[in-house]
N, C-alpha and C. Protein backbone atom coordinates (compact mmCIF):
# COMPACT_ATOMS: atom_id res chain seq x y z
N UNK A 1 8.35 15.72 -66.42
CA UNK A 1 7.95 16.82 -65.57
C UNK A 1 8.82 16.79 -64.32
N UNK A 2 9.16 17.95 -63.83
CA UNK A 2 9.97 17.97 -62.62
C UNK A 2 9.13 17.59 -61.40
N UNK A 3 9.79 17.21 -60.33
CA UNK A 3 9.06 16.73 -59.15
C UNK A 3 8.25 17.85 -58.49
N UNK A 4 8.67 19.09 -58.65
CA UNK A 4 7.89 20.20 -58.10
C UNK A 4 6.50 20.25 -58.71
N UNK A 5 6.40 20.03 -60.02
CA UNK A 5 5.11 20.08 -60.70
C UNK A 5 4.20 18.96 -60.19
N UNK A 6 4.71 17.75 -60.14
CA UNK A 6 3.89 16.62 -59.65
C UNK A 6 3.47 16.89 -58.21
N UNK A 7 4.41 17.34 -57.40
CA UNK A 7 4.10 17.63 -56.00
C UNK A 7 3.03 18.70 -55.87
N UNK A 8 3.12 19.73 -56.69
CA UNK A 8 2.13 20.80 -56.64
C UNK A 8 0.75 20.29 -57.02
N UNK A 9 0.69 19.49 -58.08
CA UNK A 9 -0.59 18.97 -58.53
C UNK A 9 -1.21 18.08 -57.47
N UNK A 10 -0.42 17.19 -56.90
CA UNK A 10 -0.93 16.29 -55.87
C UNK A 10 -1.34 17.07 -54.63
N UNK A 11 -0.56 18.08 -54.28
CA UNK A 11 -0.86 18.92 -53.13
C UNK A 11 -0.16 18.45 -51.87
N UNK A 12 0.02 19.39 -50.95
CA UNK A 12 0.67 19.07 -49.68
C UNK A 12 -0.12 17.97 -48.97
N UNK A 13 0.58 16.93 -48.58
CA UNK A 13 -0.04 15.76 -47.92
C UNK A 13 -1.12 15.13 -48.80
N UNK A 14 -1.04 15.32 -50.12
CA UNK A 14 -2.03 14.74 -51.03
C UNK A 14 -3.37 15.43 -50.98
N UNK A 15 -3.39 16.70 -50.56
CA UNK A 15 -4.67 17.40 -50.38
C UNK A 15 -5.52 17.48 -51.64
N UNK A 16 -4.89 17.73 -52.80
CA UNK A 16 -5.69 17.84 -54.03
C UNK A 16 -6.26 16.49 -54.42
N UNK A 17 -5.46 15.44 -54.33
CA UNK A 17 -5.96 14.11 -54.68
C UNK A 17 -7.05 13.67 -53.70
N UNK A 18 -6.88 14.03 -52.44
CA UNK A 18 -7.91 13.70 -51.43
C UNK A 18 -9.20 14.49 -51.72
N UNK A 19 -9.06 15.75 -52.12
CA UNK A 19 -10.22 16.56 -52.47
C UNK A 19 -10.99 15.90 -53.62
N UNK A 20 -10.27 15.49 -54.68
CA UNK A 20 -10.92 14.85 -55.82
C UNK A 20 -11.63 13.57 -55.39
N UNK A 21 -10.96 12.78 -54.56
CA UNK A 21 -11.54 11.51 -54.14
C UNK A 21 -12.75 11.71 -53.23
N UNK A 22 -12.63 12.59 -52.26
CA UNK A 22 -13.70 12.78 -51.28
C UNK A 22 -14.89 13.59 -51.81
N UNK A 23 -14.63 14.58 -52.66
CA UNK A 23 -15.70 15.46 -53.12
C UNK A 23 -16.25 15.11 -54.50
N UNK A 24 -15.41 14.51 -55.34
CA UNK A 24 -15.86 14.22 -56.70
C UNK A 24 -15.89 12.72 -57.01
N UNK A 25 -15.41 11.91 -56.10
CA UNK A 25 -15.42 10.46 -56.33
C UNK A 25 -14.43 10.00 -57.38
N UNK A 26 -13.33 10.73 -57.53
CA UNK A 26 -12.32 10.42 -58.54
C UNK A 26 -11.04 9.97 -57.86
N UNK A 27 -10.46 8.91 -58.39
CA UNK A 27 -9.13 8.50 -57.97
C UNK A 27 -8.16 9.07 -59.00
N UNK A 28 -7.15 9.84 -58.53
CA UNK A 28 -6.18 10.44 -59.44
C UNK A 28 -4.78 9.98 -59.10
N UNK A 29 -4.04 9.65 -60.15
CA UNK A 29 -2.63 9.28 -60.02
C UNK A 29 -1.85 10.27 -60.88
N UNK A 30 -0.79 10.81 -60.32
CA UNK A 30 0.02 11.78 -61.05
C UNK A 30 1.48 11.37 -60.88
N UNK A 31 2.10 10.91 -61.96
CA UNK A 31 3.49 10.48 -61.86
C UNK A 31 4.12 10.35 -63.24
N UNK A 32 5.38 9.98 -63.23
CA UNK A 32 6.10 9.75 -64.47
C UNK A 32 5.77 8.35 -64.96
N UNK A 33 5.51 8.22 -66.24
CA UNK A 33 5.20 6.92 -66.82
C UNK A 33 6.21 6.64 -67.92
N UNK A 34 7.31 6.00 -67.54
CA UNK A 34 8.40 5.75 -68.49
C UNK A 34 8.01 4.77 -69.60
N UNK A 35 6.95 4.00 -69.41
CA UNK A 35 6.55 3.02 -70.41
C UNK A 35 5.65 3.62 -71.49
N UNK A 36 5.21 4.86 -71.32
CA UNK A 36 4.32 5.48 -72.30
C UNK A 36 5.16 6.07 -73.42
N UNK A 37 4.97 5.57 -74.63
CA UNK A 37 5.81 5.95 -75.75
C UNK A 37 5.47 7.31 -76.34
N UNK A 38 4.35 7.89 -75.99
CA UNK A 38 4.00 9.19 -76.59
C UNK A 38 4.51 10.36 -75.75
N UNK A 39 5.03 10.08 -74.57
CA UNK A 39 5.51 11.15 -73.71
C UNK A 39 6.97 11.48 -73.97
N UNK A 40 7.30 12.73 -73.75
CA UNK A 40 8.70 13.15 -73.79
C UNK A 40 9.26 12.99 -72.38
N UNK A 41 10.57 13.08 -72.27
CA UNK A 41 11.22 12.82 -70.98
C UNK A 41 10.80 13.83 -69.90
N UNK A 42 10.35 15.01 -70.26
CA UNK A 42 9.99 16.04 -69.28
C UNK A 42 8.48 16.07 -68.99
N UNK A 43 7.75 15.08 -69.45
CA UNK A 43 6.30 15.06 -69.27
C UNK A 43 5.88 13.94 -68.32
N UNK A 44 4.81 14.18 -67.60
CA UNK A 44 4.26 13.19 -66.67
C UNK A 44 2.79 12.95 -66.96
N UNK A 45 2.30 11.88 -66.39
CA UNK A 45 0.91 11.45 -66.58
C UNK A 45 0.08 11.84 -65.36
N UNK A 46 -1.13 12.24 -65.63
CA UNK A 46 -2.13 12.42 -64.60
C UNK A 46 -3.32 11.60 -65.05
N UNK A 47 -3.58 10.51 -64.35
CA UNK A 47 -4.68 9.62 -64.73
C UNK A 47 -5.81 9.76 -63.72
N UNK A 48 -7.04 9.86 -64.22
CA UNK A 48 -8.22 9.96 -63.36
C UNK A 48 -9.13 8.78 -63.62
N UNK A 49 -9.65 8.22 -62.56
CA UNK A 49 -10.58 7.10 -62.67
C UNK A 49 -11.84 7.45 -61.89
N UNK A 50 -12.98 7.29 -62.54
CA UNK A 50 -14.27 7.60 -61.93
C UNK A 50 -15.34 7.58 -63.01
N UNK A 51 -16.53 8.07 -62.69
CA UNK A 51 -17.57 8.14 -63.71
C UNK A 51 -17.22 9.26 -64.69
N UNK A 52 -17.78 9.19 -65.88
CA UNK A 52 -17.50 10.21 -66.89
C UNK A 52 -17.84 11.60 -66.37
N UNK A 53 -18.99 11.75 -65.76
CA UNK A 53 -19.41 13.05 -65.23
C UNK A 53 -18.43 13.56 -64.17
N UNK A 54 -18.01 12.67 -63.29
CA UNK A 54 -17.06 13.07 -62.24
C UNK A 54 -15.71 13.45 -62.84
N UNK A 55 -15.26 12.68 -63.82
CA UNK A 55 -13.98 13.00 -64.46
C UNK A 55 -14.07 14.34 -65.17
N UNK A 56 -15.19 14.62 -65.81
CA UNK A 56 -15.34 15.91 -66.47
C UNK A 56 -15.25 17.05 -65.46
N UNK A 57 -15.83 16.86 -64.29
CA UNK A 57 -15.70 17.88 -63.23
C UNK A 57 -14.26 17.93 -62.72
N UNK A 58 -13.62 16.78 -62.65
CA UNK A 58 -12.24 16.71 -62.22
C UNK A 58 -11.29 17.42 -63.17
N UNK A 59 -11.59 17.36 -64.46
CA UNK A 59 -10.76 18.06 -65.45
C UNK A 59 -10.76 19.56 -65.16
N UNK A 60 -11.94 20.08 -64.84
CA UNK A 60 -12.03 21.52 -64.54
C UNK A 60 -11.16 21.87 -63.33
N UNK A 61 -11.23 21.03 -62.30
CA UNK A 61 -10.41 21.26 -61.11
C UNK A 61 -8.92 21.13 -61.43
N UNK A 62 -8.56 20.16 -62.27
CA UNK A 62 -7.17 19.98 -62.66
C UNK A 62 -6.67 21.19 -63.44
N UNK A 63 -7.49 21.71 -64.35
CA UNK A 63 -7.11 22.91 -65.11
C UNK A 63 -6.87 24.09 -64.17
N UNK A 64 -7.74 24.26 -63.18
CA UNK A 64 -7.56 25.34 -62.20
C UNK A 64 -6.26 25.15 -61.43
N UNK A 65 -5.99 23.90 -61.06
CA UNK A 65 -4.77 23.59 -60.30
C UNK A 65 -3.53 23.86 -61.16
N UNK A 66 -3.59 23.49 -62.43
CA UNK A 66 -2.46 23.76 -63.32
C UNK A 66 -2.25 25.26 -63.51
N UNK A 67 -3.35 26.00 -63.59
CA UNK A 67 -3.23 27.45 -63.71
C UNK A 67 -2.52 28.02 -62.48
N UNK A 68 -2.87 27.54 -61.30
CA UNK A 68 -2.18 27.96 -60.07
C UNK A 68 -0.70 27.63 -60.14
N UNK A 69 -0.38 26.42 -60.60
CA UNK A 69 1.02 26.00 -60.69
C UNK A 69 1.81 26.93 -61.59
N UNK A 70 1.27 27.20 -62.77
CA UNK A 70 1.99 28.05 -63.71
C UNK A 70 2.14 29.48 -63.16
N UNK A 71 1.15 29.96 -62.44
CA UNK A 71 1.26 31.29 -61.84
C UNK A 71 2.39 31.34 -60.81
N UNK A 72 2.52 30.29 -60.00
CA UNK A 72 3.60 30.27 -59.00
C UNK A 72 4.97 30.19 -59.67
N UNK A 73 5.00 29.75 -60.93
CA UNK A 73 6.24 29.67 -61.70
C UNK A 73 6.41 30.89 -62.61
N UNK A 74 5.58 31.92 -62.37
CA UNK A 74 5.58 33.14 -63.18
C UNK A 74 5.36 32.86 -64.66
N UNK A 75 4.43 31.95 -64.94
CA UNK A 75 4.07 31.60 -66.30
C UNK A 75 2.56 31.71 -66.47
N UNK A 76 2.15 31.66 -67.72
CA UNK A 76 0.74 31.72 -68.04
C UNK A 76 0.32 30.37 -68.60
N UNK A 77 -0.65 29.73 -67.96
CA UNK A 77 -1.13 28.41 -68.38
C UNK A 77 -1.57 28.42 -69.84
N UNK A 78 -2.03 29.55 -70.34
CA UNK A 78 -2.49 29.64 -71.72
C UNK A 78 -1.36 29.39 -72.71
N UNK A 79 -0.12 29.59 -72.28
CA UNK A 79 1.04 29.37 -73.17
C UNK A 79 1.40 27.90 -73.32
N UNK A 80 0.85 27.05 -72.46
CA UNK A 80 1.20 25.64 -72.45
C UNK A 80 -0.01 24.80 -72.82
N UNK A 81 0.19 23.77 -73.64
CA UNK A 81 -0.95 22.92 -74.02
C UNK A 81 -1.38 22.01 -72.87
N UNK A 82 -2.64 21.67 -72.88
CA UNK A 82 -3.21 20.64 -72.00
C UNK A 82 -3.44 19.45 -72.92
N UNK A 83 -2.92 18.30 -72.56
CA UNK A 83 -2.96 17.15 -73.44
C UNK A 83 -3.84 16.04 -72.89
N UNK A 84 -4.65 15.49 -73.76
CA UNK A 84 -5.50 14.36 -73.42
C UNK A 84 -4.99 13.17 -74.21
N UNK A 85 -4.85 12.04 -73.55
CA UNK A 85 -4.42 10.82 -74.22
C UNK A 85 -5.67 10.00 -74.55
N UNK A 86 -5.80 9.64 -75.84
CA UNK A 86 -6.95 8.85 -76.28
C UNK A 86 -6.46 7.58 -76.99
N UNK A 87 -7.28 6.55 -77.04
CA UNK A 87 -6.89 5.35 -77.80
C UNK A 87 -6.69 5.72 -79.27
N UNK A 88 -5.63 5.20 -79.86
CA UNK A 88 -5.28 5.53 -81.25
C UNK A 88 -6.40 5.17 -82.23
N UNK A 89 -7.16 4.13 -81.92
CA UNK A 89 -8.21 3.73 -82.86
C UNK A 89 -9.42 4.68 -82.87
N UNK A 90 -9.42 5.71 -82.02
CA UNK A 90 -10.51 6.70 -82.02
C UNK A 90 -10.12 8.03 -82.65
N UNK A 91 -8.91 8.12 -83.14
CA UNK A 91 -8.44 9.38 -83.74
C UNK A 91 -9.35 9.83 -84.87
N UNK A 92 -9.68 8.94 -85.78
CA UNK A 92 -10.52 9.34 -86.92
C UNK A 92 -11.91 9.75 -86.46
N UNK A 93 -12.39 9.17 -85.38
CA UNK A 93 -13.71 9.55 -84.84
C UNK A 93 -13.67 10.97 -84.26
N UNK A 94 -12.56 11.32 -83.62
CA UNK A 94 -12.43 12.66 -83.04
C UNK A 94 -12.23 13.69 -84.15
N UNK A 95 -11.51 13.34 -85.19
CA UNK A 95 -11.30 14.27 -86.31
C UNK A 95 -12.59 14.45 -87.09
N UNK A 96 -13.27 13.35 -87.42
CA UNK A 96 -14.50 13.42 -88.21
C UNK A 96 -14.21 13.60 -89.68
N UNK A 97 -15.23 13.41 -90.50
CA UNK A 97 -15.10 13.55 -91.95
C UNK A 97 -14.71 14.99 -92.30
N UNK A 98 -13.57 15.14 -92.96
CA UNK A 98 -13.12 16.47 -93.35
C UNK A 98 -12.80 17.37 -92.17
N UNK A 99 -12.58 16.78 -91.00
CA UNK A 99 -12.25 17.56 -89.80
C UNK A 99 -13.47 18.16 -89.12
N UNK A 100 -14.67 17.71 -89.50
CA UNK A 100 -15.89 18.34 -88.97
C UNK A 100 -16.04 18.17 -87.45
N UNK A 101 -15.68 17.02 -86.90
CA UNK A 101 -15.86 16.80 -85.46
C UNK A 101 -14.89 17.66 -84.65
N UNK A 102 -13.62 17.67 -85.04
CA UNK A 102 -12.65 18.46 -84.29
C UNK A 102 -12.95 19.96 -84.41
N UNK A 103 -13.45 20.39 -85.55
CA UNK A 103 -13.85 21.80 -85.71
C UNK A 103 -15.04 22.12 -84.82
N UNK A 104 -15.98 21.20 -84.73
CA UNK A 104 -17.15 21.39 -83.88
C UNK A 104 -16.74 21.46 -82.40
N UNK A 105 -15.83 20.58 -82.00
CA UNK A 105 -15.34 20.61 -80.61
C UNK A 105 -14.66 21.94 -80.32
N UNK A 106 -13.81 22.39 -81.23
CA UNK A 106 -13.11 23.67 -81.04
C UNK A 106 -14.10 24.83 -80.94
N UNK A 107 -15.12 24.80 -81.79
CA UNK A 107 -16.14 25.86 -81.78
C UNK A 107 -16.87 25.90 -80.44
N UNK A 108 -17.21 24.72 -79.91
CA UNK A 108 -17.93 24.66 -78.63
C UNK A 108 -17.01 24.81 -77.42
N UNK A 109 -15.71 24.94 -77.67
CA UNK A 109 -14.74 25.08 -76.59
C UNK A 109 -14.09 26.45 -76.62
N UNK A 110 -14.90 27.46 -76.85
CA UNK A 110 -14.42 28.84 -76.83
C UNK A 110 -13.25 29.07 -77.78
N UNK A 111 -13.25 28.39 -78.91
CA UNK A 111 -12.21 28.59 -79.91
C UNK A 111 -10.87 27.96 -79.57
N UNK A 112 -10.85 26.97 -78.71
CA UNK A 112 -9.59 26.28 -78.37
C UNK A 112 -8.98 25.69 -79.64
N UNK A 113 -7.66 25.68 -79.69
CA UNK A 113 -6.97 25.06 -80.81
C UNK A 113 -6.67 23.62 -80.41
N UNK A 114 -7.03 22.70 -81.29
CA UNK A 114 -6.87 21.27 -81.00
C UNK A 114 -5.96 20.66 -82.05
N UNK A 115 -4.90 20.01 -81.58
CA UNK A 115 -3.95 19.36 -82.48
C UNK A 115 -3.81 17.90 -82.06
N UNK A 116 -4.06 17.01 -82.99
CA UNK A 116 -3.91 15.59 -82.71
C UNK A 116 -2.51 15.18 -83.15
N UNK A 117 -1.72 14.78 -82.18
CA UNK A 117 -0.33 14.41 -82.43
C UNK A 117 -0.25 12.94 -82.80
N UNK A 118 -0.43 12.69 -84.08
CA UNK A 118 -0.46 11.33 -84.59
C UNK A 118 0.46 11.25 -85.80
N UNK A 119 1.19 10.18 -85.88
CA UNK A 119 2.06 9.97 -87.02
C UNK A 119 1.68 8.65 -87.68
N UNK A 120 0.87 8.74 -88.73
CA UNK A 120 0.40 7.53 -89.42
C UNK A 120 1.55 6.74 -90.02
N UNK A 121 2.65 7.43 -90.36
CA UNK A 121 3.78 6.76 -91.01
C UNK A 121 4.80 6.23 -90.00
N UNK A 122 4.55 6.43 -88.73
CA UNK A 122 5.50 6.01 -87.71
C UNK A 122 5.67 4.50 -87.70
N UNK A 123 6.87 4.08 -87.42
CA UNK A 123 7.15 2.64 -87.32
C UNK A 123 6.63 2.10 -85.99
N UNK A 124 6.41 2.99 -85.03
CA UNK A 124 5.88 2.56 -83.74
C UNK A 124 4.40 2.21 -83.89
N UNK A 125 3.99 1.18 -83.24
CA UNK A 125 2.58 0.81 -83.23
C UNK A 125 1.98 1.39 -81.95
N UNK A 126 1.58 2.65 -82.01
CA UNK A 126 1.09 3.34 -80.83
C UNK A 126 -0.35 2.93 -80.52
N UNK A 127 -0.59 2.62 -79.26
CA UNK A 127 -1.94 2.31 -78.81
C UNK A 127 -2.67 3.58 -78.39
N UNK A 128 -1.90 4.62 -78.09
CA UNK A 128 -2.48 5.88 -77.62
C UNK A 128 -1.95 7.03 -78.45
N UNK A 129 -2.75 8.10 -78.48
CA UNK A 129 -2.40 9.31 -79.22
C UNK A 129 -2.65 10.50 -78.31
N UNK A 130 -1.82 11.50 -78.44
CA UNK A 130 -1.95 12.72 -77.65
C UNK A 130 -2.76 13.76 -78.43
N UNK A 131 -3.70 14.38 -77.73
CA UNK A 131 -4.46 15.49 -78.30
C UNK A 131 -4.09 16.73 -77.50
N UNK A 132 -3.39 17.66 -78.14
CA UNK A 132 -2.94 18.89 -77.48
C UNK A 132 -4.01 19.97 -77.64
N UNK A 133 -4.33 20.61 -76.52
CA UNK A 133 -5.37 21.65 -76.52
C UNK A 133 -4.73 22.95 -76.04
N UNK A 134 -4.85 23.98 -76.86
CA UNK A 134 -4.36 25.32 -76.50
C UNK A 134 -5.53 26.28 -76.45
N UNK A 135 -5.38 27.30 -75.63
CA UNK A 135 -6.41 28.31 -75.51
C UNK A 135 -6.57 28.74 -74.07
N UNK A 136 -7.71 29.33 -73.78
CA UNK A 136 -8.00 29.78 -72.42
C UNK A 136 -8.21 28.58 -71.51
N UNK A 137 -8.18 28.81 -70.21
CA UNK A 137 -8.42 27.72 -69.27
C UNK A 137 -9.80 27.11 -69.49
N UNK A 138 -10.79 27.94 -69.74
CA UNK A 138 -12.14 27.45 -69.99
C UNK A 138 -12.20 26.67 -71.31
N UNK A 139 -11.49 27.15 -72.32
CA UNK A 139 -11.45 26.45 -73.60
C UNK A 139 -10.77 25.08 -73.48
N UNK A 140 -9.68 25.03 -72.71
CA UNK A 140 -8.98 23.75 -72.51
C UNK A 140 -9.89 22.76 -71.78
N UNK A 141 -10.52 23.26 -70.73
CA UNK A 141 -11.43 22.38 -69.98
C UNK A 141 -12.55 21.88 -70.87
N UNK A 142 -13.19 22.79 -71.59
CA UNK A 142 -14.36 22.43 -72.40
C UNK A 142 -13.97 21.45 -73.52
N UNK A 143 -12.83 21.69 -74.17
CA UNK A 143 -12.38 20.80 -75.24
C UNK A 143 -12.08 19.40 -74.68
N UNK A 144 -11.37 19.33 -73.57
CA UNK A 144 -11.06 18.03 -72.96
C UNK A 144 -12.35 17.31 -72.57
N UNK A 145 -13.29 18.06 -72.01
CA UNK A 145 -14.60 17.54 -71.62
C UNK A 145 -15.30 16.89 -72.83
N UNK A 146 -15.33 17.61 -73.95
CA UNK A 146 -16.01 17.12 -75.15
C UNK A 146 -15.27 15.94 -75.79
N UNK A 147 -13.95 15.99 -75.78
CA UNK A 147 -13.16 14.91 -76.38
C UNK A 147 -13.39 13.60 -75.63
N UNK A 148 -13.30 13.62 -74.30
CA UNK A 148 -13.48 12.36 -73.57
C UNK A 148 -14.92 11.87 -73.68
N UNK A 149 -15.86 12.80 -73.77
CA UNK A 149 -17.25 12.40 -73.95
C UNK A 149 -17.43 11.70 -75.30
N UNK A 150 -16.82 12.25 -76.35
CA UNK A 150 -16.92 11.64 -77.68
C UNK A 150 -16.24 10.27 -77.72
N UNK A 151 -15.10 10.13 -77.06
CA UNK A 151 -14.43 8.83 -77.01
C UNK A 151 -15.36 7.80 -76.39
N UNK A 152 -16.01 8.15 -75.31
CA UNK A 152 -16.90 7.20 -74.64
C UNK A 152 -18.13 6.88 -75.48
N UNK A 153 -18.66 7.86 -76.19
CA UNK A 153 -19.80 7.61 -77.07
C UNK A 153 -19.40 6.63 -78.16
N UNK A 154 -18.23 6.82 -78.76
CA UNK A 154 -17.77 5.92 -79.81
C UNK A 154 -17.44 4.54 -79.25
N UNK A 155 -16.90 4.52 -78.06
CA UNK A 155 -16.52 3.25 -77.45
C UNK A 155 -17.74 2.37 -77.19
N UNK A 156 -18.82 2.99 -76.74
CA UNK A 156 -20.01 2.22 -76.37
C UNK A 156 -21.15 2.32 -77.38
N UNK A 157 -20.94 3.06 -78.46
CA UNK A 157 -21.91 3.09 -79.54
C UNK A 157 -23.18 3.86 -79.26
N UNK A 158 -23.16 4.76 -78.31
CA UNK A 158 -24.35 5.55 -78.01
C UNK A 158 -24.18 6.34 -76.74
N UNK A 159 -25.27 6.82 -76.17
CA UNK A 159 -25.18 7.61 -74.95
C UNK A 159 -24.43 6.84 -73.85
N UNK A 160 -23.70 7.60 -73.07
CA UNK A 160 -22.85 7.02 -72.05
C UNK A 160 -23.59 6.93 -70.73
N UNK A 161 -23.53 5.78 -70.11
CA UNK A 161 -24.13 5.59 -68.78
C UNK A 161 -23.28 6.32 -67.75
N UNK A 162 -23.90 6.96 -66.82
CA UNK A 162 -23.18 7.67 -65.78
C UNK A 162 -22.72 6.73 -64.67
N UNK A 163 -23.11 5.47 -64.72
CA UNK A 163 -22.77 4.52 -63.67
C UNK A 163 -21.42 3.85 -63.90
N UNK A 164 -20.97 3.80 -65.15
CA UNK A 164 -19.71 3.12 -65.46
C UNK A 164 -18.53 3.94 -64.99
N UNK A 165 -17.43 3.26 -64.74
CA UNK A 165 -16.20 3.93 -64.34
C UNK A 165 -15.23 3.92 -65.50
N UNK A 166 -14.51 5.02 -65.67
CA UNK A 166 -13.61 5.20 -66.79
C UNK A 166 -12.26 5.64 -66.28
N UNK A 167 -11.28 5.49 -67.12
CA UNK A 167 -9.94 5.96 -66.83
C UNK A 167 -9.51 6.86 -67.96
N UNK A 168 -9.18 8.11 -67.65
CA UNK A 168 -8.66 9.02 -68.65
C UNK A 168 -7.32 9.54 -68.20
N UNK A 169 -6.45 9.76 -69.16
CA UNK A 169 -5.08 10.15 -68.87
C UNK A 169 -4.82 11.51 -69.51
N UNK A 170 -4.18 12.37 -68.74
CA UNK A 170 -3.80 13.69 -69.21
C UNK A 170 -2.32 13.85 -68.94
N UNK A 171 -1.65 14.66 -69.70
CA UNK A 171 -0.28 14.98 -69.34
C UNK A 171 -0.04 16.43 -69.65
N UNK A 172 0.97 16.93 -69.00
CA UNK A 172 1.28 18.33 -69.14
C UNK A 172 2.76 18.51 -68.98
N UNK A 173 3.25 19.61 -69.51
CA UNK A 173 4.67 19.89 -69.45
C UNK A 173 5.03 20.44 -68.09
N UNK A 174 6.10 19.93 -67.54
CA UNK A 174 6.64 20.50 -66.31
C UNK A 174 7.37 21.76 -66.67
N UNK A 175 7.48 22.65 -65.74
CA UNK A 175 8.21 23.89 -65.99
C UNK A 175 9.63 23.69 -65.51
N UNK A 176 10.58 23.89 -66.39
CA UNK A 176 11.99 23.80 -66.03
C UNK A 176 12.35 25.13 -65.39
N UNK A 177 12.51 25.12 -64.08
CA UNK A 177 12.74 26.37 -63.35
C UNK A 177 14.07 27.01 -63.68
N UNK A 178 14.99 26.27 -64.30
CA UNK A 178 16.28 26.85 -64.66
C UNK A 178 16.15 27.82 -65.83
N UNK A 179 15.05 27.74 -66.58
CA UNK A 179 14.85 28.62 -67.73
C UNK A 179 14.13 29.92 -67.37
N UNK A 180 13.61 30.02 -66.16
CA UNK A 180 12.80 31.18 -65.82
C UNK A 180 13.55 32.13 -64.95
């Protein structure tokens, strides 16, 4: 992602990250992560740490912020996927038997299209997998909300406590301003 995108997301003087921390209790880091093998060279990481409920609210704010960014670049956020990074060992849980879970998530997310970018035959031993979400801003938010909720349910084997702190990672494509 280009530095303009990261700067925009973080906000002038860190205003957006301060807003998330002060109002939602979320710590957010937005930067390039060269050690992450699932990212392309033009993509950056946005990691949020907080309670599941707070992170879910933070996702909505991040989607709104991304929509603003794409508008300032004369683009439509709906044309670009919103990606959630999940542990690779939860891919089958998110897909479900015969795709039932991912279909259910898409149905409850205003028809968002969900694509799990996983290569079972890859020689790389990936610890994380990217889940690309396309659709309306509300659909992207809702799908990401449901996906991270399901990961936590599977991780802890039942309902998720709102007291625990979690770390979720999202990434998004930077806009190459030379193409616009």
